Amino acid sequence: MASKILVVDDEANIRDLASLYLRKEGYEVLGAKDGTEALVRFKEQPPVLVVLDVMMPGMDGFEVCRELRKESDVPILMLTARNEDVDKIVGLEIGADDYMTKPFNPREMVARVKAILRRIESGQVRQNGPITAANLTVDKSRREVHVDGEERILRTKEFDLLLAFMENIGFALTREQLLETVWGFDHPGATRTVDVHVQHLRSKLDGAKVQIETLRGVGYKLVPLPD
């Protein structure tokens, strides 16, 4: 059965163009002309990825992204008609996985879709054993996190961020390195999204005997707390 991709854009020609190229690659494409229809289609036929336009009448792409993130970690590729870092940063901060500026090359869009799905798939099929630091355990194959045996529920990017820290415990990681490792690209204007995700991750690791230290002007590192 072909993987479903939901394309959300108020411009019919954009939906048609994206659908044409995605179908050529063997995907089944669902279309939605606005945010309300997108949420309905998503619940009726859950896709493996959402291509989501930012600028739409009524419920815009940011609102749709926030609603999707309340119930799903489905990968989201956002489209913005404005080449402004603020749109891209906001999208990443609220849970988008990648972004493209319109007008876009449809072949690049397909390449980005494939890259996102490959990253997700590779994370799901890892067979390496759990990593433990103090009372914190990260199970890469199950994608589970436990503190003192209690499971903590993390979103996809929060888990990937924690995994990057655990695999490099005690070592400094720059914001650019984390962007490349977790989000799959390096964009100087997007480093603030790393800071936001670190804040969320810290709150979810309450009680863990490790600390994500801020290295001013550099980035972060994960270290065990002293006994």
Protein backbone atom coordinates (compact mmCIF):
# COMPACT_ATOMS: atom_id res chain seq x y z
CA MET A 1 0.00 0.00 0.00
CA ALA A 2 1.36 3.41 -0.98
CA SER A 3 2.31 5.82 1.79
CA LYS A 4 -0.11 8.74 2.11
CA ILE A 5 1.07 12.35 2.04
CA LEU A 6 -1.28 15.23 2.84
CA VAL A 7 -0.70 18.42 0.84
CA VAL A 8 -2.35 21.50 2.35
CA ASP A 9 -2.44 24.71 0.29
CA ASP A 10 -5.18 27.15 -0.67
CA GLU A 11 -3.73 27.41 -4.19
CA ALA A 12 -5.02 24.58 -6.38
CA ASN A 13 -2.07 24.82 -8.77
CA ILE A 14 0.38 24.27 -5.91
CA ARG A 15 -1.56 21.23 -4.69
CA ASP A 16 -1.71 19.84 -8.22
CA LEU A 17 2.00 20.40 -8.86
CA ALA A 18 3.06 18.79 -5.57
CA SER A 19 0.65 15.90 -6.11
CA LEU A 20 1.93 15.25 -9.62
CA TYR A 21 5.56 14.88 -8.53
CA LEU A 22 4.78 12.94 -5.36
CA ARG A 23 2.56 10.47 -7.23
CA LYS A 24 5.38 9.90 -9.72
CA GLU A 25 7.43 8.67 -6.76
CA GLY A 26 4.74 6.22 -5.72
CA TYR A 27 3.05 8.17 -2.94
CA GLU A 28 -0.70 8.43 -2.50
CA VAL A 29 -1.56 12.12 -2.17
CA LEU A 30 -4.44 13.65 -0.21
CA GLY A 31 -5.28 17.31 -0.77
CA ALA A 32 -6.77 19.99 1.46
CA LYS A 33 -7.50 23.61 0.51
CA ASP A 34 -7.49 25.05 4.03
CA GLY A 35 -6.63 24.28 7.64
CA THR A 36 -10.07 23.03 8.65
CA GLU A 37 -10.21 20.55 5.79
CA ALA A 38 -6.64 19.48 6.54
CA LEU A 39 -7.48 18.45 10.11
CA VAL A 40 -10.51 16.49 8.90
CA ARG A 41 -8.52 14.68 6.20
CA PHE A 42 -5.74 13.97 8.69
CA LYS A 43 -8.12 12.21 11.08
CA GLU A 44 -9.90 10.31 8.31
CA GLN A 45 -6.76 9.05 6.58
CA PRO A 46 -3.63 9.61 8.68
CA PRO A 47 -0.67 10.36 6.39
CA VAL A 48 3.02 9.59 6.89
CA LEU A 49 3.90 13.25 6.19
CA VAL A 50 2.19 16.63 5.78
CA VAL A 51 3.22 19.34 3.31
CA LEU A 52 1.72 22.46 4.87
CA ASP A 53 1.45 26.01 3.53
CA VAL A 54 1.83 28.81 6.08
CA MET A 55 -0.24 31.57 4.48
CA MET A 56 -3.86 30.39 4.19
CA PRO A 57 -7.14 32.19 4.86
CA GLY A 58 -8.85 31.31 8.13
CA MET A 59 -6.73 28.81 10.02
CA ASP A 60 -3.15 29.36 8.84
CA GLY A 61 -0.38 26.78 8.68
CA PHE A 62 1.03 27.67 12.09
CA GLU A 63 -2.34 26.97 13.71
CA VAL A 64 -2.68 23.68 11.84
CA CYS A 65 0.82 22.66 12.91
CA ARG A 66 0.02 23.39 16.56
CA GLU A 67 -3.19 21.36 16.35
CA LEU A 68 -1.43 18.41 14.73
CA ARG A 69 1.31 18.47 17.36
CA LYS A 70 -1.29 18.09 20.11
CA GLU A 71 -2.00 14.56 18.91
CA SER A 72 0.70 13.45 16.48
CA ASP A 73 4.42 13.51 15.70
CA VAL A 74 3.76 13.18 11.96
CA PRO A 75 6.58 14.85 9.97
CA ILE A 76 5.63 18.32 8.66
CA LEU A 77 7.26 20.14 5.74
CA MET A 78 6.12 23.77 5.80
CA LEU A 79 5.86 26.06 2.78
CA THR A 80 6.21 29.81 3.16
CA ALA A 81 5.70 32.42 0.44
CA ARG A 82 7.95 34.88 2.27
CA ASN A 83 11.69 34.38 2.49
CA GLU A 84 11.77 35.54 6.09
CA ASP A 85 13.67 33.77 8.84
CA VAL A 86 10.96 34.57 11.38
CA ASP A 87 8.41 32.37 9.55
CA LYS A 88 10.89 29.53 9.36
CA ILE A 89 11.95 29.85 12.99
CA VAL A 90 8.36 29.96 14.24
CA GLY A 91 7.51 26.89 12.17
CA LEU A 92 10.45 24.92 13.56
CA GLU A 93 9.71 26.02 17.12
CA ILE A 94 6.12 24.78 17.01
CA GLY A 95 7.12 21.40 15.64
CA ALA A 96 7.74 21.52 11.88
CA ASP A 97 10.52 19.28 10.59
CA ASP A 98 11.64 21.34 7.60
CA TYR A 99 10.57 24.28 5.43
CA MET A 100 10.74 25.50 1.84
CA THR A 101 10.20 28.94 0.35
CA LYS A 102 7.66 29.35 -2.47
CA PRO A 103 7.97 29.23 -5.39
CA PHE A 104 9.80 25.94 -4.99
CA ASN A 105 11.34 23.35 -7.26
CA PRO A 106 9.01 20.32 -7.07
CA ARG A 107 11.97 17.95 -7.41
CA GLU A 108 13.58 19.55 -4.35
CA MET A 109 10.29 19.16 -2.48
CA VAL A 110 10.24 15.44 -3.29
CA ALA A 111 13.88 15.14 -2.21
CA ARG A 112 13.13 16.82 1.11
CA VAL A 113 10.09 14.59 1.68
CA LYS A 114 12.23 11.51 1.08
CA ALA A 115 15.00 12.81 3.34
CA ILE A 116 12.58 13.46 6.21
CA LEU A 117 11.01 10.01 5.88
CA ARG A 118 14.45 8.36 5.73
CA ARG A 119 15.47 10.08 8.97
CA ILE A 120 12.26 8.97 10.67
CA GLU A 121 12.60 5.40 9.39
CA SER A 122 16.26 5.09 10.36
CA GLY A 123 15.39 6.26 13.87
CA GLN A 124 12.66 3.64 14.15
CA VAL A 125 14.72 0.66 12.96
CA ARG A 126 17.83 1.21 15.06
CA GLN A 127 18.61 -1.97 16.98
CA ASN A 128 21.24 -0.57 19.35
CA GLY A 129 20.70 -1.14 23.04
CA PRO A 130 19.61 1.43 25.63
CA ILE A 131 21.94 4.23 26.75
CA THR A 132 22.03 4.99 30.48
CA ALA A 133 23.38 7.97 32.40
CA ALA A 134 22.70 8.02 36.14
CA ASN A 135 18.94 7.33 36.52
CA LEU A 136 18.12 8.29 32.91
CA THR A 137 17.72 5.60 30.24
CA VAL A 138 17.14 6.19 26.54
CA ASP A 139 16.07 3.15 24.51
CA LYS A 140 16.89 3.92 20.88
CA SER A 141 15.14 0.91 19.34
CA ARG A 142 11.89 1.48 21.26
CA ARG A 143 12.30 5.27 21.27
CA GLU A 144 11.46 5.39 24.96
CA VAL A 145 12.86 7.48 27.81
CA HIS A 146 12.75 6.49 31.48
CA VAL A 147 13.75 8.36 34.64
CA ASP A 148 14.00 6.03 37.65
CA GLY A 149 11.99 3.52 35.63
CA GLU A 150 9.17 5.99 34.95
CA GLU A 151 8.51 6.64 31.28
CA ARG A 152 8.67 10.24 30.08
CA ILE A 153 6.75 11.09 26.91
CA LEU A 154 8.84 13.11 24.47
CA ARG A 155 7.98 14.45 21.04
CA THR A 156 10.00 13.22 18.07
CA LYS A 157 12.45 16.12 17.98
CA GLU A 158 12.81 16.17 21.78
CA PHE A 159 13.76 12.49 21.71
CA ASP A 160 16.22 13.00 18.86
CA LEU A 161 17.75 15.94 20.72
CA LEU A 162 18.13 13.93 23.92
CA LEU A 163 19.63 11.05 21.95
CA ALA A 164 22.22 13.39 20.45
CA PHE A 165 23.17 14.53 23.96
CA MET A 166 23.29 10.98 25.35
CA GLU A 167 25.50 9.77 22.50
CA ASN A 168 27.89 12.65 23.22
CA ILE A 169 27.59 12.90 27.00
CA GLY A 170 30.16 15.24 28.48
CA PHE A 171 31.01 16.77 25.11
CA ALA A 172 30.02 20.23 23.91
CA LEU A 173 27.62 20.36 20.96
CA THR A 174 27.11 23.61 19.08
CA ARG A 175 23.64 24.75 18.08
CA GLU A 176 24.66 24.27 14.46
CA GLN A 177 25.71 20.67 15.13
CA LEU A 178 22.40 19.97 16.84
CA LEU A 179 20.45 21.51 13.96
CA GLU A 180 22.32 19.29 11.51
CA THR A 181 21.96 16.15 13.65
CA VAL A 182 18.35 16.53 14.74
CA TRP A 183 16.73 18.59 12.00
CA GLY A 184 18.97 17.53 9.13
CA PHE A 185 20.12 20.99 8.04
CA ASP A 186 22.16 23.95 9.20
CA HIS A 187 20.63 27.42 8.94
CA PRO A 188 22.11 30.23 11.07
CA GLY A 189 18.73 31.92 11.53
CA ALA A 190 17.14 28.76 12.92
CA THR A 191 19.41 28.12 15.90
CA ARG A 192 16.85 29.62 18.29
CA THR A 193 14.64 26.59 17.71
CA VAL A 194 17.37 24.50 19.39
CA ASP A 195 17.13 26.72 22.47
CA VAL A 196 13.35 26.32 22.62
CA HIS A 197 13.53 22.53 22.33
CA VAL A 198 16.24 22.37 25.01
CA GLN A 199 13.94 24.30 27.37
CA HIS A 200 11.11 21.83 26.70
CA LEU A 201 13.45 18.88 27.16
CA ARG A 202 14.76 20.17 30.48
CA SER A 203 11.22 20.41 31.85
CA LYS A 204 10.48 16.82 30.81
CA LEU A 205 13.63 15.48 32.47
CA ASP A 206 12.70 16.77 35.92
CA GLY A 207 14.15 14.38 38.50
CA ALA A 208 16.83 13.01 36.18
CA LYS A 209 20.32 13.11 37.70
CA VAL A 210 21.75 14.76 34.60
CA GLN A 211 21.86 18.36 33.49
CA ILE A 212 21.88 20.05 30.10
CA GLU A 213 24.43 22.79 30.60
CA THR A 214 24.36 25.98 28.55
CA LEU A 215 27.74 26.93 27.11
CA ARG A 216 27.49 30.63 26.33
CA GLY A 217 28.36 31.46 22.76
CA VAL A 218 28.78 27.77 21.93
CA GLY A 219 25.84 25.49 22.62
CA TYR A 220 25.08 22.78 25.17
CA LYS A 221 26.37 19.61 26.77
CA LEU A 222 24.79 16.91 28.90
CA VAL A 223 26.57 16.04 32.16
CA PRO A 224 25.70 13.81 35.14
CA LEU A 225 24.93 15.66 38.35
CA PRO A 226 27.38 15.10 41.23
CA ASP A 227 26.20 12.67 43.91
